[in-house]
Amino acid sequence: MVSILLVEDELIIAEDMTNILEKIGYTIIGVAIDFDEAIEILESEKPDLILLDINLSGKRDGIELAEEINKRFSIPFIFTTSYTDAATLERAKKVNPVNYLVKPFKKEQLYTAIEIAIFNMAKKTDTVTQEIDENYGEALIIKDALFIKDKFKYTKLTINDILWIKSDGNYLEINTLNKKEIIRATMSGFMDRLNRNNFFRTHKSYIVNLDYLTKFETPYVTILDTKIPISKTFSEELLKRIKIM
């Protein structure tokens, strides 16, 4: 799941936001009311996204906290604030939030702000894919993770946890140690955007993660305990790869 840190000094608002986000399917790793509490959490946890109020308890506000987040943690954040004056907006723009949400807001606005933020995060990376489908929605690659949209939430899947990928028409079945996900994408397009050396195409319908390779005996490779077919052409290429390794 996508993990979120709330930095909000009004506890009733923080509780409401937590309830909304958890119902959607996001994970709240903590709530901080000021600069120091937020830094303390970030020193031990690394959320995917921060919802950051500009007006905080204590001497330092959310924009000063954003500067520290950019400097030390490089985690994207959305400003949540009731301030819309020109001076605050000018200060806020300089720290590059991925979105800006004005209070009071509805749950639909909160959901939309997070969705736009996740998409903007993906656009900033070199390896980004957007595959659209009415059932599965967008699949975005952001740094080391695949974010799969299902109705009103994004599910985070760490790329290095993928064991193998199977193509079925215009859909890809992504298998990990613990679960299986389905997205709409072509094998070749996904492979190009994945752009990682440990993923290897063994067949027109299969990609495997070589980090989990336990056996190679044509016409199969074994990923942990599962046999995956490998064609002759890809078999020769894999032999060359193994010799180099």
Protein backbone atom coordinates (compact mmCIF):
# COMPACT_ATOMS: atom_id res chain seq x y z
CA MET A 1 0.00 0.00 0.00
CA VAL A 2 1.00 3.62 -0.49
CA SER A 3 2.20 4.99 2.85
CA ILE A 4 1.46 8.55 3.98
CA LEU A 5 2.68 10.77 6.82
CA LEU A 6 0.22 13.43 8.05
CA VAL A 7 1.69 16.64 9.42
CA GLU A 8 -1.30 18.44 10.90
CA ASP A 9 -1.61 20.31 14.21
CA GLU A 10 -5.40 20.15 14.41
CA LEU A 11 -6.05 16.65 15.73
CA ILE A 12 -9.71 16.52 14.69
CA ILE A 13 -8.73 17.27 11.09
CA ALA A 14 -5.90 14.73 11.30
CA GLU A 15 -8.29 12.07 12.59
CA ASP A 16 -10.80 12.79 9.81
CA MET A 17 -8.09 12.62 7.16
CA THR A 18 -6.77 9.38 8.61
CA ASN A 19 -10.22 7.78 8.50
CA ILE A 20 -10.82 8.91 4.92
CA LEU A 21 -7.44 7.73 3.66
CA GLU A 22 -7.55 4.37 5.42
CA LYS A 23 -11.02 3.69 4.01
CA ILE A 24 -9.67 4.40 0.53
CA GLY A 25 -6.83 1.97 1.17
CA TYR A 26 -3.80 4.10 2.03
CA THR A 27 -1.56 3.42 5.02
CA ILE A 28 -0.98 6.22 7.55
CA ILE A 29 2.43 5.71 9.16
CA GLY A 30 2.00 8.52 11.70
CA VAL A 31 0.67 11.96 12.56
CA ALA A 32 2.96 14.85 13.56
CA ILE A 33 1.79 18.20 14.91
CA ASP A 34 5.00 20.17 14.46
CA PHE A 35 8.43 20.36 12.81
CA ASP A 36 10.27 18.30 15.41
CA GLU A 37 7.72 15.46 15.55
CA ALA A 38 7.74 15.20 11.75
CA ILE A 39 11.54 15.01 11.59
CA GLU A 40 11.59 12.38 14.35
CA ILE A 41 9.18 10.18 12.37
CA LEU A 42 11.04 10.69 9.09
CA GLU A 43 14.32 9.64 10.68
CA SER A 44 12.87 6.17 11.26
CA GLU A 45 10.20 5.85 8.55
CA LYS A 46 10.13 6.66 4.83
CA PRO A 47 6.58 7.29 3.60
CA ASP A 48 5.77 7.48 -0.09
CA LEU A 49 4.02 10.82 0.38
CA ILE A 50 3.57 13.54 3.04
CA LEU A 51 0.42 15.60 3.58
CA LEU A 52 1.84 18.77 5.10
CA ASP A 53 -0.07 21.59 6.76
CA ILE A 54 1.61 24.98 6.36
CA ASN A 55 0.42 26.31 9.72
CA LEU A 56 1.99 24.14 12.44
CA SER A 57 2.45 24.26 16.18
CA GLY A 58 5.82 25.61 17.26
CA LYS A 59 8.17 28.21 15.83
CA ARG A 60 8.74 26.66 12.40
CA ASP A 61 5.96 26.28 9.85
CA GLY A 62 5.25 23.72 7.15
CA ILE A 63 7.22 25.53 4.48
CA GLU A 64 10.33 25.46 6.64
CA LEU A 65 9.67 21.76 7.24
CA ALA A 66 9.32 21.26 3.47
CA GLU A 67 12.78 22.80 2.98
CA GLU A 68 14.21 20.29 5.45
CA ILE A 69 12.36 17.41 3.79
CA ASN A 70 13.82 18.38 0.41
CA LYS A 71 17.30 18.69 1.88
CA ARG A 72 17.41 15.50 3.96
CA PHE A 73 14.73 13.06 2.82
CA SER A 74 13.66 13.80 -0.78
CA ILE A 75 10.07 12.70 -0.14
CA PRO A 76 7.25 14.33 -2.15
CA PHE A 77 4.63 16.31 -0.23
CA ILE A 78 1.25 17.96 -0.69
CA PHE A 79 0.58 21.20 1.15
CA THR A 80 -2.77 21.31 2.98
CA THR A 81 -3.62 24.80 4.15
CA SER A 82 -6.25 27.48 4.57
CA TYR A 83 -3.75 30.11 3.38
CA THR A 84 -4.25 31.39 -0.17
CA ASP A 85 -2.53 34.78 0.09
CA ALA A 86 0.09 35.69 -2.49
CA ALA A 87 3.02 35.77 -0.03
CA THR A 88 2.33 32.23 1.26
CA LEU A 89 1.81 30.86 -2.24
CA GLU A 90 5.09 32.42 -3.38
CA ARG A 91 6.98 30.81 -0.48
CA ALA A 92 5.23 27.49 -1.08
CA LYS A 93 6.12 27.38 -4.78
CA LYS A 94 9.82 27.67 -4.00
CA VAL A 95 9.89 24.30 -2.16
CA ASN A 96 8.18 22.42 -5.03
CA PRO A 97 5.15 20.65 -3.54
CA VAL A 98 3.58 18.02 -5.82
CA ASN A 99 0.17 19.54 -5.09
CA TYR A 100 -1.56 22.23 -3.00
CA LEU A 101 -4.87 21.51 -1.27
CA VAL A 102 -6.89 24.37 0.23
CA LYS A 103 -8.90 23.78 3.42
CA PRO A 104 -11.68 23.01 3.97
CA PHE A 105 -11.76 20.20 1.42
CA LYS A 106 -13.98 17.21 0.68
CA LYS A 107 -12.80 13.62 0.59
CA GLU A 108 -13.09 13.64 -3.22
CA GLN A 109 -10.71 16.61 -3.36
CA LEU A 110 -8.26 14.83 -1.06
CA TYR A 111 -8.36 11.70 -3.20
CA THR A 112 -7.87 13.75 -6.38
CA ALA A 113 -4.95 15.67 -4.91
CA ILE A 114 -3.17 12.43 -3.99
CA GLU A 115 -3.86 10.89 -7.40
CA ILE A 116 -2.47 13.93 -9.21
CA ALA A 117 0.54 13.95 -6.87
CA ILE A 118 1.34 10.32 -7.61
CA PHE A 119 1.07 10.97 -11.34
CA ASN A 120 3.31 14.05 -11.07
CA MET A 121 5.84 12.00 -9.10
CA ALA A 122 5.91 9.50 -11.96
CA LYS A 123 6.41 12.20 -14.60
CA LYS A 124 9.57 13.33 -12.83
CA THR A 125 11.23 9.92 -13.20
CA ASP A 126 12.97 8.61 -16.29
CA THR A 127 11.14 5.29 -16.14
CA VAL A 128 7.47 6.11 -16.24
CA THR A 129 4.62 4.15 -17.79
CA GLN A 130 0.94 4.95 -17.98
CA GLU A 131 -1.37 2.20 -19.14
CA ILE A 132 -5.09 2.99 -19.04
CA ASP A 133 -7.95 0.52 -18.58
CA GLU A 134 -11.46 0.99 -17.23
CA ASN A 135 -11.01 -1.88 -14.76
CA TYR A 136 -7.43 -1.49 -13.57
CA GLY A 137 -6.72 2.15 -14.30
CA GLU A 138 -3.18 3.52 -14.36
CA ALA A 139 0.01 1.62 -13.70
CA LEU A 140 2.89 3.98 -12.94
CA ILE A 141 6.55 3.18 -12.41
CA ILE A 142 8.11 5.54 -9.87
CA LYS A 143 11.75 4.89 -9.01
CA ASP A 144 11.82 1.38 -7.49
CA ALA A 145 8.07 0.74 -7.32
CA LEU A 146 5.05 0.04 -9.47
CA PHE A 147 1.90 1.90 -8.44
CA ILE A 148 -1.24 0.09 -9.60
CA LYS A 149 -4.51 1.98 -9.55
CA ASP A 150 -7.61 0.03 -8.56
CA LYS A 151 -10.77 2.16 -8.32
CA PHE A 152 -10.03 4.74 -5.58
CA LYS A 153 -6.52 3.83 -4.49
CA TYR A 154 -3.00 3.05 -5.63
CA THR A 155 -1.33 -0.16 -4.54
CA LYS A 156 2.44 0.00 -4.28
CA LEU A 157 4.42 -2.97 -5.56
CA THR A 158 8.20 -2.96 -5.08
CA ILE A 159 9.75 -3.86 -8.43
CA ASN A 160 12.48 -6.05 -6.95
CA ASP A 161 9.77 -8.20 -5.30
CA ILE A 162 8.45 -9.25 -8.72
CA LEU A 163 9.30 -12.89 -9.53
CA TRP A 164 7.94 -13.16 -13.04
CA ILE A 165 5.45 -11.52 -15.40
CA LYS A 166 3.13 -13.38 -17.75
CA SER A 167 1.47 -11.82 -20.79
CA ASP A 168 -2.14 -12.60 -21.62
CA GLY A 169 -3.22 -10.54 -24.60
CA ASN A 170 -3.23 -6.89 -23.59
CA TYR A 171 -2.88 -7.75 -19.89
CA LEU A 172 0.11 -8.61 -17.74
CA GLU A 173 -0.07 -10.92 -14.74
CA ILE A 174 2.55 -9.77 -12.23
CA ASN A 175 3.60 -12.45 -9.72
CA THR A 176 5.41 -11.70 -6.47
CA LEU A 177 6.27 -13.73 -3.38
CA ASN A 178 2.96 -12.87 -1.73
CA LYS A 179 0.42 -11.90 -4.35
CA LYS A 180 -0.56 -11.48 -7.97
CA GLU A 181 -1.64 -8.27 -9.71
CA ILE A 182 -3.05 -7.69 -13.19
CA ILE A 183 -2.55 -4.55 -15.25
CA ARG A 184 -3.31 -3.58 -18.81
CA ALA A 185 -0.03 -3.23 -20.74
CA THR A 186 1.89 -4.84 -23.59
CA MET A 187 4.91 -7.00 -22.78
CA SER A 188 7.32 -5.08 -25.01
CA GLY A 189 6.13 -1.67 -23.85
CA PHE A 190 6.33 -2.63 -20.19
CA MET A 191 9.77 -4.19 -20.62
CA ASP A 192 11.09 -1.04 -22.31
CA ARG A 193 9.84 1.18 -19.52
CA LEU A 194 10.92 -1.20 -16.76
CA ASN A 195 14.50 -0.83 -18.00
CA ARG A 196 16.21 -3.00 -15.37
CA ASN A 197 19.04 -5.45 -16.03
CA ASN A 198 17.76 -8.11 -13.64
CA PHE A 199 14.56 -8.60 -15.67
CA PHE A 200 14.94 -10.93 -18.64
CA ARG A 201 12.49 -12.00 -21.31
CA THR A 202 12.51 -15.79 -21.65
CA HIS A 203 9.56 -16.20 -23.99
CA LYS A 204 7.09 -14.08 -25.94
CA SER A 205 4.78 -14.38 -22.93
CA TYR A 206 7.18 -14.28 -19.97
CA ILE A 207 9.60 -11.96 -18.20
CA VAL A 208 11.54 -13.24 -15.18
CA ASN A 209 13.55 -11.61 -12.42
CA LEU A 210 17.01 -13.21 -12.62
CA ASP A 211 17.66 -12.37 -8.97
CA TYR A 212 15.32 -15.31 -8.17
CA LEU A 213 16.74 -17.74 -10.75
CA THR A 214 17.45 -21.14 -9.11
CA LYS A 215 17.81 -23.40 -12.14
CA PHE A 216 18.34 -23.12 -15.89
CA GLU A 217 17.71 -26.21 -17.93
CA THR A 218 16.24 -25.70 -21.42
CA PRO A 219 13.34 -25.44 -22.17
CA TYR A 220 12.72 -24.03 -18.68
CA VAL A 221 14.17 -21.66 -16.15
CA THR A 222 13.15 -22.08 -12.52
CA ILE A 223 12.25 -19.00 -10.51
CA LEU A 224 12.35 -20.18 -6.91
CA ASP A 225 10.13 -23.28 -7.29
CA THR A 226 8.23 -22.33 -10.44
CA LYS A 227 9.18 -23.48 -13.95
CA ILE A 228 8.96 -20.79 -16.61
CA PRO A 229 9.34 -21.66 -20.33
CA ILE A 230 12.32 -20.27 -22.24
CA SER A 231 12.57 -20.29 -26.04
CA LYS A 232 15.73 -21.29 -27.90
CA THR A 233 16.60 -17.73 -28.93
CA PHE A 234 16.28 -16.36 -25.42
CA SER A 235 18.05 -19.44 -24.02
CA GLU A 236 21.20 -18.64 -26.00
CA GLU A 237 21.03 -15.02 -24.88
CA LEU A 238 20.65 -16.05 -21.24
CA LEU A 239 23.67 -18.36 -21.49
CA LYS A 240 25.75 -15.41 -22.69
CA ARG A 241 24.38 -13.30 -19.85
CA ILE A 242 25.27 -15.95 -17.25
CA LYS A 243 28.81 -16.34 -18.61
CA ILE A 244 29.32 -12.58 -18.33
CA MET A 245 27.97 -12.63 -14.77
